[in-house]
Protein backbone atom coordinates (compact mmCIF):
# COMPACT_ATOMS: atom_id res chain seq x y z
CA MET A 1 30.75 100.68 -49.05
CA ALA A 2 34.53 100.87 -48.64
CA ILE A 3 35.93 100.87 -45.12
CA LEU A 4 39.07 102.69 -44.09
CA THR A 5 42.03 100.59 -43.03
CA HIS A 6 42.37 101.75 -39.43
CA ARG A 7 46.13 102.30 -39.50
CA SER A 8 46.64 103.82 -42.91
CA HIS A 9 48.93 106.75 -42.06
CA CYS A 10 50.51 107.82 -38.80
CA LEU A 11 49.99 111.49 -37.89
CA PHE A 12 51.85 111.43 -34.57
CA ASP A 13 54.42 108.97 -33.21
CA TRP A 14 55.53 109.12 -29.57
CA TRP A 15 58.27 106.55 -30.25
CA GLU A 16 59.94 109.01 -32.64
CA GLY A 17 60.12 111.65 -29.94
CA GLN A 18 57.63 114.08 -31.48
CA PRO A 19 56.83 116.95 -29.08
CA CYS A 20 53.44 117.62 -27.62
CA ASP A 21 52.88 120.76 -29.69
CA SER A 22 53.14 118.67 -32.88
CA ILE A 23 49.91 116.81 -32.10
CA PRO A 24 47.73 117.11 -35.23
CA PHE A 25 44.24 118.57 -35.49
CA PRO A 26 41.49 117.72 -34.47
CA PHE A 27 43.58 117.06 -31.32
CA GLY A 28 45.22 120.00 -29.64
CA ILE A 29 46.01 121.98 -26.51
CA HIS A 30 45.01 125.40 -25.20
CA GLY A 31 41.66 125.43 -27.01
CA ARG A 32 43.10 124.51 -30.42
CA ALA A 33 41.07 121.31 -30.70
CA LEU A 34 37.60 120.06 -31.50
CA PRO A 35 35.38 119.23 -28.50
CA GLY A 36 36.45 115.95 -26.95
CA PHE A 37 39.93 116.05 -28.49
CA GLU A 38 41.58 118.35 -25.94
CA LEU A 39 44.94 117.20 -24.61
CA SER A 40 47.28 118.12 -21.79
CA CYS A 41 51.06 118.31 -21.88
CA ASP A 42 53.43 117.14 -19.18
CA SER A 43 57.21 117.28 -19.65
CA GLY A 44 56.72 117.58 -23.39
CA GLU A 45 54.54 114.47 -23.64
CA ALA A 46 50.91 114.50 -24.72
CA TYR A 47 48.16 113.03 -22.58
CA LEU A 48 44.52 112.43 -23.34
CA LEU A 49 42.54 114.64 -20.97
CA PRO A 50 41.40 112.92 -17.80
CA ARG A 51 38.91 110.10 -18.08
CA ASN A 52 37.88 108.53 -14.78
CA ASN A 53 40.20 110.99 -13.00
CA GLN A 54 43.19 109.72 -14.98
CA SER A 55 45.26 110.88 -17.92
CA TYR A 56 46.59 108.49 -20.56
CA LEU A 57 49.85 108.91 -22.44
CA ILE A 58 49.32 109.08 -26.21
CA LYS A 59 51.67 106.75 -28.09
CA ALA A 60 50.48 107.30 -31.66
CA ILE A 61 47.68 108.89 -33.69
CA TRP A 62 46.41 107.64 -37.03
CA GLU A 63 43.70 109.10 -39.27
CA ASN A 64 40.91 107.63 -37.15
CA THR A 65 42.65 105.72 -34.34
CA LEU A 66 45.05 106.46 -31.52
CA ILE A 67 47.07 104.33 -29.13
CA ILE A 68 47.23 105.16 -25.44
CA ALA A 69 49.17 103.53 -22.60
CA ILE A 70 46.93 101.92 -20.01
CA GLY A 71 47.24 99.45 -17.16
CA SER A 72 45.08 96.48 -16.26
CA ILE A 73 41.31 96.72 -16.18
CA TYR A 74 40.93 94.08 -13.50
CA ASP A 75 43.03 92.70 -10.62
CA ARG A 76 42.03 89.85 -8.34
CA CYS A 77 43.94 87.76 -5.78
CA TYR A 78 43.14 84.86 -3.47
CA ASN A 79 44.94 83.61 -0.41
CA ASN A 80 46.08 80.02 -0.07
CA ASN A 81 42.71 79.12 1.40
CA GLY A 82 40.92 80.38 -1.70
CA SER A 83 39.53 83.51 -0.05
CA GLU A 84 39.50 86.71 -2.08
CA ILE A 85 41.91 89.32 -0.74
CA ILE A 86 42.16 91.79 -3.66
CA LYS A 87 39.49 92.82 -6.14
CA ASP A 88 40.19 95.95 -8.16
CA TYR A 89 38.11 97.29 -11.07
CA SER A 90 39.63 100.79 -10.94
CA GLY A 91 41.27 100.34 -14.34
CA LEU A 92 37.95 100.28 -16.17
CA LEU A 93 37.86 103.05 -18.79
CA ASN A 94 34.53 104.73 -19.55
CA LEU A 95 34.41 106.45 -22.97
CA GLU A 96 30.79 107.57 -22.87
CA GLY A 97 30.41 111.21 -23.81
CA THR A 98 33.65 111.17 -25.82
CA PRO A 99 34.34 110.73 -29.57
CA PHE A 100 36.24 107.50 -28.78
CA THR A 101 35.32 103.81 -28.84
CA PHE A 102 37.28 100.63 -28.11
CA SER A 103 38.51 99.13 -31.37
CA SER A 104 37.43 95.50 -31.57
CA SER A 105 39.47 95.00 -34.74
CA GLU A 106 42.74 96.18 -33.12
CA ASN A 107 42.36 95.05 -29.48
CA ILE A 108 41.86 91.84 -27.52
CA LEU A 109 40.83 90.89 -24.01
CA ALA A 110 43.85 89.21 -22.36
CA VAL A 111 43.76 87.44 -19.00
CA VAL A 112 46.72 86.21 -16.94
CA GLY A 113 46.16 83.78 -14.08
CA CYS A 114 44.72 80.39 -13.16
CA ASP A 115 41.30 78.78 -12.95
CA GLY A 116 39.05 81.62 -13.99
CA LEU A 117 36.27 82.50 -16.43
CA MET A 118 36.42 86.13 -17.58
CA LYS A 119 33.50 87.69 -19.45
CA ILE A 120 33.38 91.16 -20.98
CA LYS A 121 30.11 92.80 -21.98
CA ASN A 122 29.25 95.98 -23.81
CA ILE A 123 27.04 97.86 -21.38
CA ALA A 124 25.08 99.49 -24.22
CA ALA A 125 24.53 96.26 -26.16
CA THR A 126 21.18 94.49 -26.04
CA ILE A 127 22.11 91.42 -28.09
CA ASP A 128 24.28 88.38 -27.40
CA GLU A 129 27.01 89.64 -29.74
CA GLY A 130 27.70 92.31 -27.10
CA GLN A 131 29.78 89.97 -24.95
CA SER A 132 32.73 87.58 -25.14
CA GLY A 133 35.21 85.91 -22.81
CA CYS A 134 37.74 83.16 -22.18
CA VAL A 135 38.81 80.57 -19.59
CA THR A 136 42.19 80.06 -17.92
CA PHE A 137 43.40 77.03 -16.01
CA CYS A 138 46.56 75.58 -14.51
CA THR A 139 47.76 72.07 -13.75
CA SER A 140 49.92 70.67 -11.00
CA SER A 141 52.60 69.84 -13.57
CA THR A 142 52.83 73.41 -14.79
CA ASN A 143 56.35 74.71 -14.22
CA ASP A 144 56.28 77.92 -16.21
CA TYR A 145 53.95 80.52 -17.60
CA HIS A 146 52.66 79.67 -21.09
CA ASN A 147 51.43 83.13 -22.11
CA GLY A 148 47.87 82.02 -22.72
CA LEU A 149 48.55 78.98 -24.92
CA MET A 150 45.28 76.99 -25.06
CA GLY A 151 44.21 78.78 -21.86
CA LEU A 152 47.10 77.40 -19.81
CA GLY A 153 48.03 80.16 -17.38
CA GLY A 154 46.19 82.76 -19.42
CA CYS A 155 43.84 83.31 -22.34
CA HIS A 156 42.66 85.94 -24.77
CA ALA A 157 39.41 86.69 -26.62
CA ALA A 158 37.99 89.11 -29.17
CA LEU A 159 36.09 92.20 -28.07
CA PRO A 160 32.43 92.76 -28.90
CA SER A 161 32.29 94.52 -32.28
CA ASP A 162 29.45 96.94 -31.73
CA GLY A 163 30.96 100.34 -30.99
CA MET A 164 31.80 99.64 -27.35
CA LYS A 165 32.29 102.74 -25.17
CA ARG A 166 31.72 101.20 -21.76
CA PHE A 167 31.98 97.61 -20.66
CA GLY A 168 31.41 95.43 -17.67
CA LEU A 169 33.50 92.50 -16.44
CA GLU A 170 32.46 89.31 -14.74
CA PHE A 171 35.10 86.98 -13.29
CA THR A 172 34.16 83.56 -12.01
CA HIS A 173 36.71 81.63 -9.97
CA LEU A 174 36.68 78.00 -11.04
CA THR A 175 37.44 75.68 -8.12
CA SER A 176 39.76 72.76 -8.75
CA SER A 177 42.09 70.45 -6.88
CA THR A 178 44.89 72.93 -7.43
CA SER A 179 43.05 76.18 -6.74
CA GLY A 180 44.84 78.57 -4.45
CA GLN A 181 48.19 76.85 -4.91
CA ARG A 182 51.32 78.12 -6.66
CA PHE A 183 52.89 76.12 -9.45
CA GLY A 184 56.36 77.15 -10.56
CA ARG A 185 56.20 80.90 -11.25
CA PHE A 186 52.44 81.16 -11.15
CA SER A 187 50.61 83.05 -8.46
CA ASN A 188 47.15 83.03 -6.99
CA CYS A 189 46.38 86.37 -8.68
CA SER A 190 44.63 87.12 -11.96
CA ILE A 191 44.97 90.23 -14.12
CA ALA A 192 42.94 91.27 -17.16
CA PHE A 193 43.87 93.74 -19.89
CA ILE A 194 42.28 95.23 -22.95
CA THR A 195 45.31 95.64 -25.16
CA ASP A 196 46.43 95.99 -28.74
CA LYS A 197 46.78 92.82 -30.83
CA SER A 198 50.44 93.65 -31.32
CA GLU A 199 50.91 92.18 -27.83
CA LEU A 200 50.10 88.75 -29.28
CA TRP A 201 53.02 86.57 -30.32
CA GLY A 202 51.27 84.09 -32.56
CA SER A 203 48.89 82.26 -30.22
CA TYR A 204 50.56 83.72 -27.13
CA PHE A 205 49.82 86.82 -25.10
CA TYR A 206 53.25 88.09 -24.09
CA PHE A 207 53.70 88.41 -20.35
CA PRO A 208 57.00 87.91 -18.45
CA SER A 209 57.30 84.70 -16.48
CA VAL A 210 57.07 86.36 -13.09
CA ASP A 211 54.84 85.96 -10.10
CA VAL A 212 51.75 87.99 -11.01
CA SER A 213 51.35 89.11 -7.40
CA TYR A 214 54.71 90.88 -7.79
CA LEU A 215 52.89 93.59 -9.69
CA PHE A 216 50.71 94.45 -6.72
CA SER A 217 53.67 95.43 -4.59
CA LYS A 218 55.22 97.67 -7.23
CA ASP A 219 54.46 100.88 -9.06
CA LYS A 220 51.91 100.05 -11.78
CA SER A 221 53.27 102.65 -14.17
CA TYR A 222 55.83 100.39 -15.83
CA TYR A 223 55.86 97.56 -18.36
CA PRO A 224 54.57 94.82 -18.35
CA TYR A 225 51.73 96.34 -16.37
CA ILE A 226 51.26 99.23 -18.79
CA ARG A 227 50.01 98.08 -22.22
CA PRO A 228 49.02 99.80 -25.50
CA LEU A 229 45.30 100.21 -26.16
CA THR A 230 43.81 101.30 -29.49
CA LEU A 231 40.82 103.64 -29.57
CA GLN A 232 38.84 104.68 -32.61
CA TRP A 233 37.48 108.17 -33.00
CA THR A 234 34.98 110.00 -35.17
CA ILE A 235 34.12 113.63 -35.83
CA GLY A 236 30.89 115.07 -34.42
CA ASN A 237 27.42 113.68 -35.00
CA HIS A 238 27.29 114.47 -38.71
CA SER A 239 27.56 112.41 -41.87
CA CYS A 240 29.96 112.76 -44.78
CA LYS A 241 27.50 115.11 -46.48
CA GLU A 242 28.35 117.67 -43.80
CA SER A 243 32.03 116.76 -43.42
CA ASN A 244 35.04 119.06 -43.59
CA CYS A 245 37.58 116.64 -45.02
CA SER A 246 40.55 118.00 -46.95
CA ASN A 247 40.75 117.86 -50.71
CA ASN A 248 42.42 114.69 -52.05
CA SER A 249 40.80 112.72 -49.23
CA ASN A 250 37.93 110.31 -48.62
CA CYS A 251 35.15 110.52 -46.07
CA TYR A 252 33.64 107.52 -44.28
CA ASP A 253 30.41 107.42 -42.32
CA SER A 254 30.83 105.68 -38.98
CA TYR A 255 27.99 103.24 -39.58
CA ALA A 256 29.98 101.68 -42.47
CA ASP A 257 32.60 100.42 -39.99
CA PRO A 258 31.77 97.24 -37.98
CA ASP A 259 33.42 98.81 -34.93
CA LEU A 260 31.29 101.96 -35.20
CA TYR A 261 28.05 100.95 -36.88
CA ASN A 262 25.87 102.34 -34.07
CA ILE A 263 28.02 105.46 -33.55
CA ALA A 264 27.13 108.74 -35.27
CA GLY A 265 29.86 110.72 -37.00
CA TYR A 266 32.41 110.43 -39.77
CA TYR A 267 36.15 110.14 -40.26
CA CYS A 268 38.51 111.03 -43.10
CA ASN A 269 41.63 109.64 -44.69
CA CYS A 270 43.86 110.86 -47.47
CA SER A 271 43.21 109.33 -50.87
CA GLN A 272 45.55 106.71 -52.25
CA GLY A 273 48.79 108.34 -53.34
CA PHE A 274 48.45 111.15 -50.77
CA GLN A 275 49.46 111.50 -47.12
CA GLY A 276 49.09 114.00 -44.32
CA ASN A 277 46.28 115.28 -42.14
CA PRO A 278 42.89 114.97 -43.90
CA TYR A 279 41.21 117.14 -41.26
CA ILE A 280 42.83 120.43 -42.29
CA VAL A 281 42.65 122.39 -45.54
CA GLY A 282 45.32 121.19 -47.95
CA GLY A 283 46.45 118.59 -45.43
CA CYS A 284 46.72 115.71 -47.92
CA THR A 285 49.81 116.08 -50.10
CA ASP A 286 51.14 113.93 -52.90
CA ILE A 287 53.43 111.02 -51.99
CA ASP A 288 56.57 110.79 -54.07
CA GLU A 289 56.80 107.00 -54.13
CA CYS A 290 59.87 107.16 -56.34
CA ARG A 291 61.97 108.63 -53.51
CA ASP A 292 61.05 105.93 -50.99
CA PRO A 293 62.67 102.53 -51.70
CA LYS A 294 59.93 100.81 -49.68
CA MET A 295 57.15 102.41 -51.73
CA ASN A 296 58.83 102.48 -55.14
CA PRO A 297 56.97 99.81 -57.20
CA CYS A 298 59.31 99.98 -60.18
CA VAL A 299 62.32 98.00 -61.34
CA GLY A 300 62.89 100.38 -64.24
CA HIS A 301 62.29 104.13 -64.42
CA CYS A 302 59.92 105.48 -61.74
CA ILE A 303 57.71 108.39 -62.78
CA ASN A 304 55.92 110.21 -59.96
CA GLU A 305 52.48 111.61 -60.80
CA ILE A 306 49.95 113.50 -58.72
CA GLY A 307 48.33 110.85 -56.55
CA ASN A 308 49.87 108.05 -58.56
CA VAL A 309 53.09 106.57 -59.90
CA SER A 310 53.95 104.87 -63.18
CA CYS A 311 56.85 102.71 -64.30
CA ALA A 312 58.75 102.49 -67.57
CA CYS A 313 61.55 100.28 -68.84
CA PRO A 314 64.89 101.69 -70.05
CA ARG A 315 65.65 101.91 -73.76
CA GLY A 316 66.28 98.49 -75.22
CA MET A 317 64.03 96.71 -72.68
CA VAL A 318 60.33 95.83 -72.60
CA GLY A 319 57.77 95.04 -69.85
CA ASP A 320 55.57 96.96 -67.40
CA GLY A 321 58.60 97.96 -65.30
CA LYS A 322 56.93 96.87 -62.03
CA LYS A 323 58.36 94.72 -59.26
CA GLY A 324 55.25 92.59 -59.04
CA GLY A 325 54.58 92.58 -62.78
CA THR A 326 56.48 91.53 -65.86
CA GLY A 327 59.44 93.73 -64.93
CA CYS A 328 61.89 94.67 -67.69
CA ARG A 329 63.65 92.29 -70.03
CA ARG A 330 66.25 93.13 -72.62
CA VAL A 331 65.32 92.90 -76.30
CA PHE A 332 67.06 93.68 -79.60
CA PRO A 333 66.46 97.41 -80.31
CA LEU A 334 63.62 97.93 -82.79
CA ASP A 335 65.48 100.50 -84.89
CA LEU A 336 68.51 98.23 -85.15
CA THR A 337 66.29 95.28 -85.98
CA LEU A 338 64.55 97.27 -88.72
CA GLY A 339 67.90 98.54 -90.01
CA LEU A 340 69.37 95.07 -90.21
CA GLY A 341 66.22 93.72 -91.77
CA LEU A 342 66.02 96.42 -94.44
CA GLY A 343 69.77 96.19 -95.03
CA SER A 344 69.53 92.45 -95.50
CA ILE A 345 66.67 92.87 -97.97
CA PHE A 346 68.65 95.49 -99.92
CA ILE A 347 71.76 93.31 -100.06
CA LEU A 348 69.73 90.29 -101.11
CA THR A 349 67.95 92.31 -103.82
CA ALA A 350 71.22 93.80 -105.09
CA ALA A 351 72.88 90.39 -105.13
CA THR A 352 69.95 88.91 -107.01
CA PHE A 353 69.98 91.76 -109.55
CA TRP A 354 73.77 91.44 -110.01
CA TRP A 355 73.45 87.69 -110.54
CA TYR A 356 70.61 88.23 -113.02
CA MET A 357 72.55 90.82 -115.00
CA SER A 358 75.69 88.66 -115.00
CA PHE A 359 73.63 85.72 -116.17
CA GLN A 360 72.09 87.77 -118.99
CA LYS A 361 75.52 89.09 -120.00
CA ARG A 362 76.97 85.61 -120.14
CA LYS A 363 73.93 84.45 -122.07
CA LEU A 364 74.38 87.29 -124.59
CA ILE A 365 78.08 86.51 -125.02
CA LYS A 366 77.28 82.87 -125.63
CA MET A 367 74.56 83.84 -128.12
CA ARG A 368 76.92 86.14 -130.06
CA ALA A 369 79.56 83.44 -130.16
CA LYS A 370 76.98 81.00 -131.45
CA PHE A 371 75.81 83.32 -134.22
CA PHE A 372 79.46 84.15 -135.06
CA ARG A 373 80.15 80.49 -135.61
CA GLN A 374 76.86 79.87 -137.48
CA ASN A 375 77.56 82.73 -139.94
CA GLY A 376 81.10 81.60 -140.74
CA GLY A 377 82.82 84.03 -138.50
CA ASN A 378 85.56 81.66 -137.52
CA LEU A 379 86.30 80.81 -141.16
CA LEU A 380 86.39 84.48 -142.10
CA LYS A 381 88.67 85.26 -139.20
CA GLU A 382 91.05 82.49 -140.20
CA ARG A 383 91.24 83.78 -143.73
CA TYR A 384 92.03 87.32 -142.62
CA ASP A 385 94.56 86.13 -140.13
CA SER A 386 96.38 83.91 -142.65
CA LYS A 387 99.25 85.17 -144.76
CA GLY A 388 98.60 86.54 -148.22
CA ILE A 389 95.29 88.22 -147.35
CA ASP A 390 94.94 92.02 -147.39
CA SER A 391 95.54 92.99 -143.79
CA THR A 392 93.78 96.31 -144.21
CA ARG A 393 90.49 94.54 -144.04
CA LYS A 394 89.17 94.22 -140.47
CA ILE A 395 86.45 92.46 -138.53
CA PHE A 396 84.60 94.85 -136.17
CA THR A 397 82.92 93.90 -132.89
CA THR A 398 79.38 94.92 -132.02
CA GLU A 399 80.64 97.51 -129.52
CA GLN A 400 82.87 99.10 -132.17
CA LEU A 401 79.97 99.26 -134.66
CA GLN A 402 77.70 100.87 -132.02
CA LYS A 403 80.31 103.53 -131.37
CA ALA A 404 81.00 104.18 -135.09
CA THR A 405 77.27 104.55 -135.93
CA ASP A 406 76.45 106.61 -132.85
CA ASN A 407 74.46 103.70 -131.47
CA TYR A 408 72.82 103.07 -134.88
CA ASN A 409 71.54 106.61 -135.18
CA GLU A 410 68.92 107.05 -137.95
CA ASN A 411 70.89 110.01 -139.27
CA ARG A 412 73.67 107.55 -140.15
CA VAL A 413 71.43 105.30 -142.31
CA LEU A 414 72.64 105.11 -145.95
CA GLY A 415 70.06 102.67 -147.24
CA HIS A 416 68.43 99.29 -146.93
CA GLY A 417 69.86 96.38 -148.88
CA GLY A 418 69.26 92.70 -149.11
CA PHE A 419 71.54 92.06 -146.16
CA GLY A 420 69.90 94.69 -143.91
CA THR A 421 70.26 98.36 -143.07
CA VAL A 422 73.46 100.08 -144.19
CA TYR A 423 74.94 102.71 -141.78
CA LYS A 424 77.66 105.27 -142.23
CA GLY A 425 80.35 104.64 -139.66
CA ILE A 426 82.99 107.04 -138.41
CA LEU A 427 85.92 105.49 -136.59
């Protein structure tokens, strides 16, 4: 079964300054929301209603995920003797009884500190896959914070992928020859986050190179203490058979998603070629890919269609017209090619016919000259041209005889003698 790409289309974006009243359904304020999706507004910004006596600023909402701003889930500090002086689990977020779960595909467990083993476990899980963790360590030669590279000064791990709504943490302090000592900018404190994978820079978890204990003496409502966290959400306890998704949209049962396979409910997304809110009637509208340079797939003419787009090459060019396809390449126009081809054939035929007729004409002239000589024509002509012969007598050409006899018309026949047919000629 197909699974929805979690961040397919953004419905609300805090970074673009969208106001609280633009939050899309099923979220809403003042009773205009589905159960569990109620929000509160403060200074024009939207907050997820209190969980654990706290409210969380909403950064973005997608078709089945949202990003909230949240601080650390665990803080722990030791004095120089190795004794624990701070241990704070107040940042733990419990999502039981809500339509939300922690997204294991979009989040990580990130730990900053030295010499510790951090484990995270899905409280509801009964199998080994319901837990994960990582180890951090420091060395006496460490002069700077390495953002979790190979566990040096920090680490990160995947979350359990079994629809986690509530989790437990277990931190084990690993004693070493350097425990409880500061190296460079390190401190004797450890902090753990569940945060979006966007906070990873390659193999690093980004965290400023500052003394971690500095955070405990400051307001925890600022970055880098506050991090983005991605939650997934589903609608109700029903399946797609009972869904209310918009037309031009797709419905997905929660159990088809690895992050939600033990969570009842469904979620919707607009079909390919459409965008908008799939949870309201008529919410999915056609995307005009031709107007967006980033979405336009064509190098030639772009033709927008309902839910789709097609490409065509300009006149005189061939190809599929697509950027990732054969594109468009110039060719000789077909009509011009046909015209030149037919014209060439006509000229060749006419030239051949003209040559043939000229050849036959020359052949006929040569034949007449031959017969003229064979029948004493030259001798007769010499006699008539010489002096003393009656000049009224004349030698006629074939063309003159044809004209005088009306092309040897039968009405001009006078008789048939030993030398052939005799015609009456009129000059």
